[in-house]
Full PDB file with SEQRES, HELIX, SHEET, SSBOND, CRYST1, ORIGX, SCALE, CONECT and MASTER records, all heavy atoms in Angstrom:
SEQRES   1 A   32  ASN ALA LEU VAL LEU ALA ARG CYS ILE LYS LEU ASN ARG          
SEQRES   2 A   32  THR THR PHE ASP ASP TYR ARG ARG GLN LEU GLN LEU ILE          
SEQRES   3 A   32  ARG TYR ARG GLY GLY VAL                                      
HELIX    1 AA1 ALA A    2  LEU A   11  1                                  10    
HELIX    2 AA2 PHE A   16  ARG A   27  1                                  12    
HELIX    3 AA3 ARG A   29  GLY A   31  5                                   3    
CRYST1    1.000    1.000    1.000  90.00  90.00  90.00 P 1           1          
ORIGX1      1.000000  0.000000  0.000000        0.00000                         
ORIGX2      0.000000  1.000000  0.000000        0.00000                         
ORIGX3      0.000000  0.000000  1.000000        0.00000                         
SCALE1      1.000000  0.000000  0.000000        0.00000                         
SCALE2      0.000000  1.000000  0.000000        0.00000                         
SCALE3      0.000000  0.000000  1.000000        0.00000                         
ATOM      1  N   ASN A   1     -14.276 -77.107 -22.752  1.00  0.00           N  
ATOM      2  CA  ASN A   1     -15.639 -76.744 -22.367  1.00  0.00           C  
ATOM      3  C   ASN A   1     -15.940 -77.125 -20.923  1.00  0.00           C  
ATOM      4  O   ASN A   1     -16.579 -76.357 -20.192  1.00  0.00           O  
ATOM      5  CB  ASN A   1     -16.643 -77.413 -23.311  1.00  0.00           C  
ATOM      6  CG  ASN A   1     -16.951 -76.559 -24.517  1.00  0.00           C  
ATOM      7  OD1 ASN A   1     -17.633 -75.550 -24.416  1.00  0.00           O  
ATOM      8  ND2 ASN A   1     -16.436 -76.949 -25.670  1.00  0.00           N  
ATOM      9  N   ALA A   2     -15.494 -78.301 -20.507  1.00  0.00           N  
ATOM     10  CA  ALA A   2     -15.718 -78.715 -19.119  1.00  0.00           C  
ATOM     11  C   ALA A   2     -15.043 -77.742 -18.157  1.00  0.00           C  
ATOM     12  O   ALA A   2     -15.617 -77.354 -17.128  1.00  0.00           O  
ATOM     13  CB  ALA A   2     -15.199 -80.139 -18.906  1.00  0.00           C  
ATOM     14  N   LEU A   3     -13.837 -77.330 -18.488  1.00  0.00           N  
ATOM     15  CA  LEU A   3     -13.082 -76.399 -17.651  1.00  0.00           C  
ATOM     16  C   LEU A   3     -13.726 -75.019 -17.625  1.00  0.00           C  
ATOM     17  O   LEU A   3     -13.884 -74.404 -16.559  1.00  0.00           O  
ATOM     18  CB  LEU A   3     -11.650 -76.306 -18.176  1.00  0.00           C  
ATOM     19  CG  LEU A   3     -10.716 -75.292 -17.506  1.00  0.00           C  
ATOM     20  CD1 LEU A   3     -10.502 -75.639 -16.039  1.00  0.00           C  
ATOM     21  CD2 LEU A   3      -9.377 -75.240 -18.246  1.00  0.00           C  
ATOM     22  N   VAL A   4     -14.102 -74.519 -18.788  1.00  0.00           N  
ATOM     23  CA  VAL A   4     -14.711 -73.184 -18.883  1.00  0.00           C  
ATOM     24  C   VAL A   4     -16.027 -73.147 -18.116  1.00  0.00           C  
ATOM     25  O   VAL A   4     -16.287 -72.226 -17.335  1.00  0.00           O  
ATOM     26  CB  VAL A   4     -14.921 -72.801 -20.357  1.00  0.00           C  
ATOM     27  CG1 VAL A   4     -15.852 -71.595 -20.479  1.00  0.00           C  
ATOM     28  CG2 VAL A   4     -13.595 -72.480 -21.023  1.00  0.00           C  
ATOM     29  N   LEU A   5     -16.864 -74.137 -18.323  1.00  0.00           N  
ATOM     30  CA  LEU A   5     -18.144 -74.184 -17.608  1.00  0.00           C  
ATOM     31  C   LEU A   5     -17.925 -74.231 -16.099  1.00  0.00           C  
ATOM     32  O   LEU A   5     -18.624 -73.550 -15.339  1.00  0.00           O  
ATOM     33  CB  LEU A   5     -18.944 -75.406 -18.061  1.00  0.00           C  
ATOM     34  CG  LEU A   5     -19.621 -75.289 -19.421  1.00  0.00           C  
ATOM     35  CD1 LEU A   5     -20.075 -76.660 -19.909  1.00  0.00           C  
ATOM     36  CD2 LEU A   5     -20.788 -74.326 -19.368  1.00  0.00           C  
ATOM     37  N   ALA A   6     -16.960 -75.049 -15.680  1.00  0.00           N  
ATOM     38  CA  ALA A   6     -16.693 -75.181 -14.241  1.00  0.00           C  
ATOM     39  C   ALA A   6     -16.252 -73.850 -13.647  1.00  0.00           C  
ATOM     40  O   ALA A   6     -16.689 -73.462 -12.552  1.00  0.00           O  
ATOM     41  CB  ALA A   6     -15.637 -76.250 -13.998  1.00  0.00           C  
ATOM     42  N   ARG A   7     -15.379 -73.125 -14.346  1.00  0.00           N  
ATOM     43  CA  ARG A   7     -14.920 -71.840 -13.841  1.00  0.00           C  
ATOM     44  C   ARG A   7     -16.080 -70.848 -13.770  1.00  0.00           C  
ATOM     45  O   ARG A   7     -16.182 -70.072 -12.808  1.00  0.00           O  
ATOM     46  CB  ARG A   7     -13.794 -71.307 -14.725  1.00  0.00           C  
ATOM     47  CG  ARG A   7     -12.476 -72.030 -14.503  1.00  0.00           C  
ATOM     48  CD  ARG A   7     -11.401 -71.572 -15.476  1.00  0.00           C  
ATOM     49  NE  ARG A   7     -11.121 -70.144 -15.345  1.00  0.00           N  
ATOM     50  CZ  ARG A   7     -10.285 -69.618 -14.450  1.00  0.00           C  
ATOM     51  NH1 ARG A   7      -9.658 -70.407 -13.592  1.00  0.00           N  
ATOM     52  NH2 ARG A   7     -10.069 -68.312 -14.414  1.00  0.00           N  
ATOM     53  N   CYS A   8     -16.938 -70.861 -14.750  1.00  0.00           N  
ATOM     54  CA  CYS A   8     -18.099 -69.969 -14.724  1.00  0.00           C  
ATOM     55  C   CYS A   8     -18.998 -70.256 -13.527  1.00  0.00           C  
ATOM     56  O   CYS A   8     -19.484 -69.348 -12.860  1.00  0.00           O  
ATOM     57  CB  CYS A   8     -18.910 -70.129 -16.003  1.00  0.00           C  
ATOM     58  SG  CYS A   8     -18.099 -69.500 -17.464  1.00  0.00           S  
ATOM     59  N   ILE A   9     -19.215 -71.547 -13.303  1.00  0.00           N  
ATOM     60  CA  ILE A   9     -20.085 -71.952 -12.199  1.00  0.00           C  
ATOM     61  C   ILE A   9     -19.489 -71.516 -10.863  1.00  0.00           C  
ATOM     62  O   ILE A   9     -20.195 -70.973 -10.003  1.00  0.00           O  
ATOM     63  CB  ILE A   9     -20.300 -73.480 -12.245  1.00  0.00           C  
ATOM     64  CG1 ILE A   9     -21.161 -73.844 -13.463  1.00  0.00           C  
ATOM     65  CG2 ILE A   9     -20.947 -73.983 -10.948  1.00  0.00           C  
ATOM     66  CD1 ILE A   9     -21.087 -75.310 -13.838  1.00  0.00           C  
ATOM     67  N   LYS A  10     -18.198 -71.745 -10.690  1.00  0.00           N  
ATOM     68  CA  LYS A  10     -17.546 -71.361  -9.439  1.00  0.00           C  
ATOM     69  C   LYS A  10     -17.539 -69.849  -9.242  1.00  0.00           C  
ATOM     70  O   LYS A  10     -17.637 -69.357  -8.117  1.00  0.00           O  
ATOM     71  CB  LYS A  10     -16.115 -71.902  -9.424  1.00  0.00           C  
ATOM     72  CG  LYS A  10     -16.016 -73.422  -9.348  1.00  0.00           C  
ATOM     73  CD  LYS A  10     -16.494 -73.968  -8.017  1.00  0.00           C  
ATOM     74  CE  LYS A  10     -15.570 -73.550  -6.893  1.00  0.00           C  
ATOM     75  NZ  LYS A  10     -15.985 -74.108  -5.581  1.00  0.00           N  
ATOM     76  N   LEU A  11     -17.415 -69.093 -10.343  1.00  0.00           N  
ATOM     77  CA  LEU A  11     -17.395 -67.629 -10.271  1.00  0.00           C  
ATOM     78  C   LEU A  11     -18.796 -67.033 -10.188  1.00  0.00           C  
ATOM     79  O   LEU A  11     -18.954 -65.827  -9.984  1.00  0.00           O  
ATOM     80  CB  LEU A  11     -16.678 -67.059 -11.503  1.00  0.00           C  
ATOM     81  CG  LEU A  11     -15.162 -67.276 -11.555  1.00  0.00           C  
ATOM     82  CD1 LEU A  11     -14.639 -67.057 -12.963  1.00  0.00           C  
ATOM     83  CD2 LEU A  11     -14.458 -66.347 -10.578  1.00  0.00           C  
ATOM     84  N   ASN A  12     -19.819 -67.886 -10.355  1.00  0.00           N  
ATOM     85  CA  ASN A  12     -21.212 -67.430 -10.394  1.00  0.00           C  
ATOM     86  C   ASN A  12     -21.423 -66.388 -11.490  1.00  0.00           C  
ATOM     87  O   ASN A  12     -22.143 -65.416 -11.308  1.00  0.00           O  
ATOM     88  CB  ASN A  12     -21.648 -66.880  -9.023  1.00  0.00           C  
ATOM     89  CG  ASN A  12     -23.160 -66.773  -8.915  1.00  0.00           C  
ATOM     90  OD1 ASN A  12     -23.894 -67.543  -9.557  1.00  0.00           O  
ATOM     91  ND2 ASN A  12     -23.644 -65.827  -8.127  1.00  0.00           N  
ATOM     92  N   ARG A  13     -20.785 -66.617 -12.609  1.00  0.00           N  
ATOM     93  CA  ARG A  13     -20.968 -65.781 -13.798  1.00  0.00           C  
ATOM     94  C   ARG A  13     -21.449 -66.719 -14.895  1.00  0.00           C  
ATOM     95  O   ARG A  13     -20.651 -67.378 -15.552  1.00  0.00           O  
ATOM     96  CB  ARG A  13     -19.667 -65.077 -14.176  1.00  0.00           C  
ATOM     97  CG  ARG A  13     -19.185 -64.098 -13.110  1.00  0.00           C  
ATOM     98  CD  ARG A  13     -17.933 -63.374 -13.569  1.00  0.00           C  
ATOM     99  NE  ARG A  13     -17.431 -62.456 -12.550  1.00  0.00           N  
ATOM    100  CZ  ARG A  13     -17.827 -61.202 -12.406  1.00  0.00           C  
ATOM    101  NH1 ARG A  13     -18.756 -60.711 -13.210  1.00  0.00           N  
ATOM    102  NH2 ARG A  13     -17.320 -60.442 -11.454  1.00  0.00           N  
ATOM    103  N   THR A  14     -22.766 -66.752 -15.060  1.00  0.00           N  
ATOM    104  CA  THR A  14     -23.356 -67.830 -15.851  1.00  0.00           C  
ATOM    105  C   THR A  14     -24.241 -67.339 -16.986  1.00  0.00           C  
ATOM    106  O   THR A  14     -25.318 -67.865 -17.233  1.00  0.00           O  
ATOM    107  CB  THR A  14     -24.150 -68.780 -14.929  1.00  0.00           C  
ATOM    108  OG1 THR A  14     -25.107 -68.020 -14.179  1.00  0.00           O  
ATOM    109  CG2 THR A  14     -23.225 -69.513 -13.976  1.00  0.00           C  
ATOM    110  N   THR A  15     -23.780 -66.315 -17.690  1.00  0.00           N  
ATOM    111  CA  THR A  15     -24.453 -65.932 -18.932  1.00  0.00           C  
ATOM    112  C   THR A  15     -23.626 -66.474 -20.100  1.00  0.00           C  
ATOM    113  O   THR A  15     -22.455 -66.846 -19.943  1.00  0.00           O  
ATOM    114  CB  THR A  15     -24.574 -64.414 -19.082  1.00  0.00           C  
ATOM    115  OG1 THR A  15     -23.260 -63.855 -19.294  1.00  0.00           O  
ATOM    116  CG2 THR A  15     -25.199 -63.785 -17.840  1.00  0.00           C  
ATOM    117  N   PHE A  16     -24.226 -66.489 -21.265  1.00  0.00           N  
ATOM    118  CA  PHE A  16     -23.512 -66.973 -22.444  1.00  0.00           C  
ATOM    119  C   PHE A  16     -22.326 -66.070 -22.777  1.00  0.00           C  
ATOM    120  O   PHE A  16     -21.270 -66.541 -23.210  1.00  0.00           O  
ATOM    121  CB  PHE A  16     -24.480 -67.052 -23.624  1.00  0.00           C  
ATOM    122  CG  PHE A  16     -23.923 -67.785 -24.816  1.00  0.00           C  
ATOM    123  CD1 PHE A  16     -23.397 -69.060 -24.691  1.00  0.00           C  
ATOM    124  CD2 PHE A  16     -23.939 -67.184 -26.071  1.00  0.00           C  
ATOM    125  CE1 PHE A  16     -22.895 -69.738 -25.797  1.00  0.00           C  
ATOM    126  CE2 PHE A  16     -23.434 -67.849 -27.174  1.00  0.00           C  
ATOM    127  CZ  PHE A  16     -22.912 -69.129 -27.047  1.00  0.00           C  
ATOM    128  N   ASP A  17     -22.472 -64.773 -22.549  1.00  0.00           N  
ATOM    129  CA  ASP A  17     -21.351 -63.861 -22.765  1.00  0.00           C  
ATOM    130  C   ASP A  17     -20.217 -64.148 -21.784  1.00  0.00           C  
ATOM    131  O   ASP A  17     -19.039 -64.060 -22.145  1.00  0.00           O  
ATOM    132  CB  ASP A  17     -21.802 -62.401 -22.627  1.00  0.00           C  
ATOM    133  CG  ASP A  17     -22.535 -61.903 -23.857  1.00  0.00           C  
ATOM    134  OD1 ASP A  17     -22.397 -62.545 -24.929  1.00  0.00           O  
ATOM    135  OD2 ASP A  17     -23.238 -60.884 -23.760  1.00  0.00           O  
ATOM    136  N   ASP A  18     -20.559 -64.485 -20.535  1.00  0.00           N  
ATOM    137  CA  ASP A  18     -19.530 -64.864 -19.566  1.00  0.00           C  
ATOM    138  C   ASP A  18     -18.760 -66.082 -20.073  1.00  0.00           C  
ATOM    139  O   ASP A  18     -17.529 -66.138 -19.990  1.00  0.00           O  
ATOM    140  CB  ASP A  18     -20.158 -65.215 -18.214  1.00  0.00           C  
ATOM    141  CG  ASP A  18     -20.685 -64.000 -17.473  1.00  0.00           C  
ATOM    142  OD1 ASP A  18     -20.107 -62.913 -17.638  1.00  0.00           O  
ATOM    143  OD2 ASP A  18     -21.665 -64.158 -16.728  1.00  0.00           O  
ATOM    144  N   TYR A  19     -19.498 -67.050 -20.575  1.00  0.00           N  
ATOM    145  CA  TYR A  19     -18.880 -68.257 -21.120  1.00  0.00           C  
ATOM    146  C   TYR A  19     -17.911 -67.914 -22.253  1.00  0.00           C  
ATOM    147  O   TYR A  19     -16.784 -68.407 -22.313  1.00  0.00           O  
ATOM    148  CB  TYR A  19     -19.963 -69.212 -21.625  1.00  0.00           C  
ATOM    149  CG  TYR A  19     -19.428 -70.245 -22.568  1.00  0.00           C  
ATOM    150  CD1 TYR A  19     -18.705 -71.350 -22.112  1.00  0.00           C  
ATOM    151  CD2 TYR A  19     -19.603 -70.109 -23.947  1.00  0.00           C  
ATOM    152  CE1 TYR A  19     -18.187 -72.280 -22.991  1.00  0.00           C  
ATOM    153  CE2 TYR A  19     -19.086 -71.037 -24.830  1.00  0.00           C  
ATOM    154  CZ  TYR A  19     -18.382 -72.115 -24.344  1.00  0.00           C  
ATOM    155  OH  TYR A  19     -17.856 -73.032 -25.221  1.00  0.00           O  
ATOM    156  N   ARG A  20     -18.321 -67.062 -23.156  1.00  0.00           N  
ATOM    157  CA  ARG A  20     -17.496 -66.701 -24.302  1.00  0.00           C  
ATOM    158  C   ARG A  20     -16.221 -65.974 -23.853  1.00  0.00           C  
ATOM    159  O   ARG A  20     -15.142 -66.202 -24.401  1.00  0.00           O  
ATOM    160  CB  ARG A  20     -18.300 -65.857 -25.290  1.00  0.00           C  
ATOM    161  CG  ARG A  20     -19.425 -66.625 -25.978  1.00  0.00           C  
ATOM    162  CD  ARG A  20     -20.313 -65.723 -26.835  1.00  0.00           C  
ATOM    163  NE  ARG A  20     -19.559 -65.137 -27.928  1.00  0.00           N  
ATOM    164  CZ  ARG A  20     -19.424 -63.830 -28.127  1.00  0.00           C  
ATOM    165  NH1 ARG A  20     -19.981 -62.968 -27.290  1.00  0.00           N  
ATOM    166  NH2 ARG A  20     -18.741 -63.382 -29.148  1.00  0.00           N  
ATOM    167  N   ARG A  21     -16.354 -65.111 -22.851  1.00  0.00           N  
ATOM    168  CA  ARG A  21     -15.164 -64.417 -22.340  1.00  0.00           C  
ATOM    169  C   ARG A  21     -14.169 -65.409 -21.735  1.00  0.00           C  
ATOM    170  O   ARG A  21     -12.964 -65.325 -21.945  1.00  0.00           O  
ATOM    171  CB  ARG A  21     -15.565 -63.377 -21.295  1.00  0.00           C  
ATOM    172  CG  ARG A  21     -16.321 -62.182 -21.859  1.00  0.00           C  
ATOM    173  CD  ARG A  21     -16.506 -61.099 -20.800  1.00  0.00           C  
ATOM    174  NE  ARG A  21     -17.367 -60.046 -21.290  1.00  0.00           N  
ATOM    175  CZ  ARG A  21     -18.669 -59.943 -21.051  1.00  0.00           C  
ATOM    176  NH1 ARG A  21     -19.264 -60.848 -20.292  1.00  0.00           N  
ATOM    177  NH2 ARG A  21     -19.384 -58.949 -21.553  1.00  0.00           N  
ATOM    178  N   GLN A  22     -14.698 -66.347 -20.956  1.00  0.00           N  
ATOM    179  CA  GLN A  22     -13.823 -67.326 -20.317  1.00  0.00           C  
ATOM    180  C   GLN A  22     -13.186 -68.248 -21.356  1.00  0.00           C  
ATOM    181  O   GLN A  22     -12.014 -68.615 -21.239  1.00  0.00           O  
ATOM    182  CB  GLN A  22     -14.627 -68.145 -19.310  1.00  0.00           C  
ATOM    183  CG  GLN A  22     -13.800 -69.034 -18.425  1.00  0.00           C  
ATOM    184  CD  GLN A  22     -12.951 -68.277 -17.427  1.00  0.00           C  
ATOM    185  OE1 GLN A  22     -11.812 -68.663 -17.194  1.00  0.00           O  
ATOM    186  NE2 GLN A  22     -13.477 -67.226 -16.837  1.00  0.00           N  
ATOM    187  N   LEU A  23     -13.943 -68.605 -22.363  1.00  0.00           N  
ATOM    188  CA  LEU A  23     -13.423 -69.449 -23.431  1.00  0.00           C  
ATOM    189  C   LEU A  23     -12.272 -68.754 -24.159  1.00  0.00           C  
ATOM    190  O   LEU A  23     -11.234 -69.358 -24.437  1.00  0.00           O  
ATOM    191  CB  LEU A  23     -14.547 -69.788 -24.419  1.00  0.00           C  
ATOM    192  CG  LEU A  23     -14.181 -70.710 -25.579  1.00  0.00           C  
ATOM    193  CD1 LEU A  23     -13.759 -72.088 -25.080  1.00  0.00           C  
ATOM    194  CD2 LEU A  23     -15.369 -70.834 -26.538  1.00  0.00           C  
ATOM    195  N   GLN A  24     -12.456 -67.477 -24.449  1.00  0.00           N  
ATOM    196  CA  GLN A  24     -11.390 -66.716 -25.111  1.00  0.00           C  
ATOM    197  C   GLN A  24     -10.150 -66.635 -24.217  1.00  0.00           C  
ATOM    198  O   GLN A  24      -9.021 -66.801 -24.683  1.00  0.00           O  
ATOM    199  CB  GLN A  24     -11.860 -65.307 -25.455  1.00  0.00           C  
ATOM    200  CG  GLN A  24     -10.769 -64.444 -26.084  1.00  0.00           C  
ATOM    201  CD  GLN A  24     -11.269 -63.103 -26.557  1.00  0.00           C  
ATOM    202  OE1 GLN A  24     -12.372 -62.996 -27.105  1.00  0.00           O  
ATOM    203  NE2 GLN A  24     -10.493 -62.057 -26.341  1.00  0.00           N  
ATOM    204  N   LEU A  25     -10.365 -66.397 -22.944  1.00  0.00           N  
ATOM    205  CA  LEU A  25      -9.243 -66.318 -22.004  1.00  0.00           C  
ATOM    206  C   LEU A  25      -8.390 -67.575 -22.053  1.00  0.00           C  
ATOM    207  O   LEU A  25      -7.161 -67.519 -22.098  1.00  0.00           O  
ATOM    208  CB  LEU A  25      -9.779 -66.124 -20.579  1.00  0.00           C  
ATOM    209  CG  LEU A  25      -8.764 -66.310 -19.449  1.00  0.00           C  
ATOM    210  CD1 LEU A  25      -7.790 -65.151 -19.411  1.00  0.00           C  
ATOM    211  CD2 LEU A  25      -9.464 -66.492 -18.113  1.00  0.00           C  
ATOM    212  N   ILE A  26      -9.032 -68.722 -22.061  1.00  0.00           N  
ATOM    213  CA  ILE A  26      -8.332 -69.991 -21.956  1.00  0.00           C  
ATOM    214  C   ILE A  26      -7.732 -70.434 -23.290  1.00  0.00           C  
ATOM    215  O   ILE A  26      -6.632 -70.983 -23.328  1.00  0.00           O  
ATOM    216  CB  ILE A  26      -9.294 -71.057 -21.388  1.00  0.00           C  
ATOM    217  CG1 ILE A  26      -9.543 -70.777 -19.904  1.00  0.00           C  
ATOM    218  CG2 ILE A  26      -8.761 -72.470 -21.589  1.00  0.00           C  
ATOM    219  CD1 ILE A  26     -10.611 -71.629 -19.286  1.00  0.00           C  
ATOM    220  N   ARG A  27      -8.406 -70.145 -24.369  1.00  0.00           N  
ATOM    221  CA  ARG A  27      -8.001 -70.673 -25.675  1.00  0.00           C  
ATOM    222  C   ARG A  27      -6.871 -69.885 -26.334  1.00  0.00           C  
ATOM    223  O   ARG A  27      -6.142 -70.423 -27.176  1.00  0.00           O  
ATOM    224  CB  ARG A  27      -9.213 -70.714 -26.614  1.00  0.00           C  
ATOM    225  CG  ARG A  27      -8.941 -71.356 -27.961  1.00  0.00           C  
ATOM    226  CD  ARG A  27     -10.197 -71.366 -28.823  1.00  0.00           C  
ATOM    227  NE  ARG A  27     -11.174 -72.325 -28.337  1.00  0.00           N  
ATOM    228  CZ  ARG A  27     -12.432 -72.395 -28.777  1.00  0.00           C  
ATOM    229  NH1 ARG A  27     -12.864 -71.521 -29.667  1.00  0.00           N  
ATOM    230  NH2 ARG A  27     -13.250 -73.309 -28.303  1.00  0.00           N  
ATOM    231  N   TYR A  28      -6.715 -68.610 -25.961  1.00  0.00           N  
ATOM    232  CA  TYR A  28      -5.763 -67.742 -26.657  1.00  0.00           C  
ATOM    233  C   TYR A  28      -4.647 -67.259 -25.737  1.00  0.00           C  
ATOM    234  O   TYR A  28      -4.850 -67.058 -24.540  1.00  0.00           O  
ATOM    235  CB  TYR A  28      -6.502 -66.547 -27.266  1.00  0.00           C  
ATOM    236  CG  TYR A  28      -7.350 -66.952 -28.451  1.00  0.00           C  
ATOM    237  CD1 TYR A  28      -8.677 -67.340 -28.276  1.00  0.00           C  
ATOM    238  CD2 TYR A  28      -6.807 -67.001 -29.729  1.00  0.00           C  
ATOM    239  CE1 TYR A  28      -9.447 -67.756 -29.355  1.00  0.00           C  
ATOM    240  CE2 TYR A  28      -7.572 -67.408 -30.814  1.00  0.00           C  
ATOM    241  CZ  TYR A  28      -8.884 -67.798 -30.619  1.00  0.00           C  
ATOM    242  OH  TYR A  28      -9.644 -68.208 -31.689  1.00  0.00           O  
ATOM    243  N   ARG A  29      -3.496 -67.033 -26.329  1.00  0.00           N  
ATOM    244  CA  ARG A  29      -2.321 -66.586 -25.586  1.00  0.00           C  
ATOM    245  C   ARG A  29      -2.609 -65.253 -24.906  1.00  0.00           C  
ATOM    246  O   ARG A  29      -2.931 -64.266 -25.560  1.00  0.00           O  
ATOM    247  CB  ARG A  29      -1.116 -66.468 -26.534  1.00  0.00           C  
ATOM    248  CG  ARG A  29       0.200 -66.192 -25.841  1.00  0.00           C  
ATOM    249  CD  ARG A  29       1.375 -66.368 -26.787  1.00  0.00           C  
ATOM    250  NE  ARG A  29       1.541 -67.791 -27.134  1.00  0.00           N  
ATOM    251  CZ  ARG A  29       1.135 -68.325 -28.287  1.00  0.00           C  
ATOM    252  NH1 ARG A  29       0.584 -67.572 -29.221  1.00  0.00           N  
ATOM    253  NH2 ARG A  29       1.297 -69.615 -28.513  1.00  0.00           N  
ATOM    254  N   GLY A  30      -2.519 -65.244 -23.572  1.00  0.00           N  
ATOM    255  CA  GLY A  30      -2.828 -64.043 -22.817  1.00  0.00           C  
ATOM    256  C   GLY A  30      -4.296 -63.663 -22.857  1.00  0.00           C  
ATOM    257  O   GLY A  30      -4.675 -62.592 -22.388  1.00  0.00           O  
ATOM    258  N   GLY A  31      -5.142 -64.523 -23.426  1.00  0.00           N  
ATOM    259  CA  GLY A  31      -6.572 -64.228 -23.528  1.00  0.00           C  
ATOM    260  C   GLY A  31      -6.920 -63.272 -24.648  1.00  0.00           C  
ATOM    261  O   GLY A  31      -8.055 -62.806 -24.729  1.00  0.00           O  
ATOM    262  N   VAL A  32      -5.968 -62.994 -25.542  1.00  0.00           N  
ATOM    263  CA  VAL A  32      -6.171 -61.997 -26.597  1.00  0.00           C  
ATOM    264  C   VAL A  32      -6.166 -62.671 -27.964  1.00  0.00           C  
ATOM    265  O   VAL A  32      -5.241 -63.431 -28.291  1.00  0.00           O  
ATOM    266  CB  VAL A  32      -5.064 -60.922 -26.554  1.00  0.00           C  
ATOM    267  CG1 VAL A  32      -5.247 -59.916 -27.697  1.00  0.00           C  
ATOM    268  CG2 VAL A  32      -5.070 -60.212 -25.202  1.00  0.00           C  
TER     269      VAL A  32                                                      
MASTER        0    0    0    3    0    0    0    6  268    1    0    3          
END                                                                             
């Protein structure tokens, strides 16, 4: 969560859907 939030903040993509996309990217192989 700390990593995902930080990436969102740096990318200036700060909606809850943005968070969920980034979380999926990081948590799953190839983001899928």
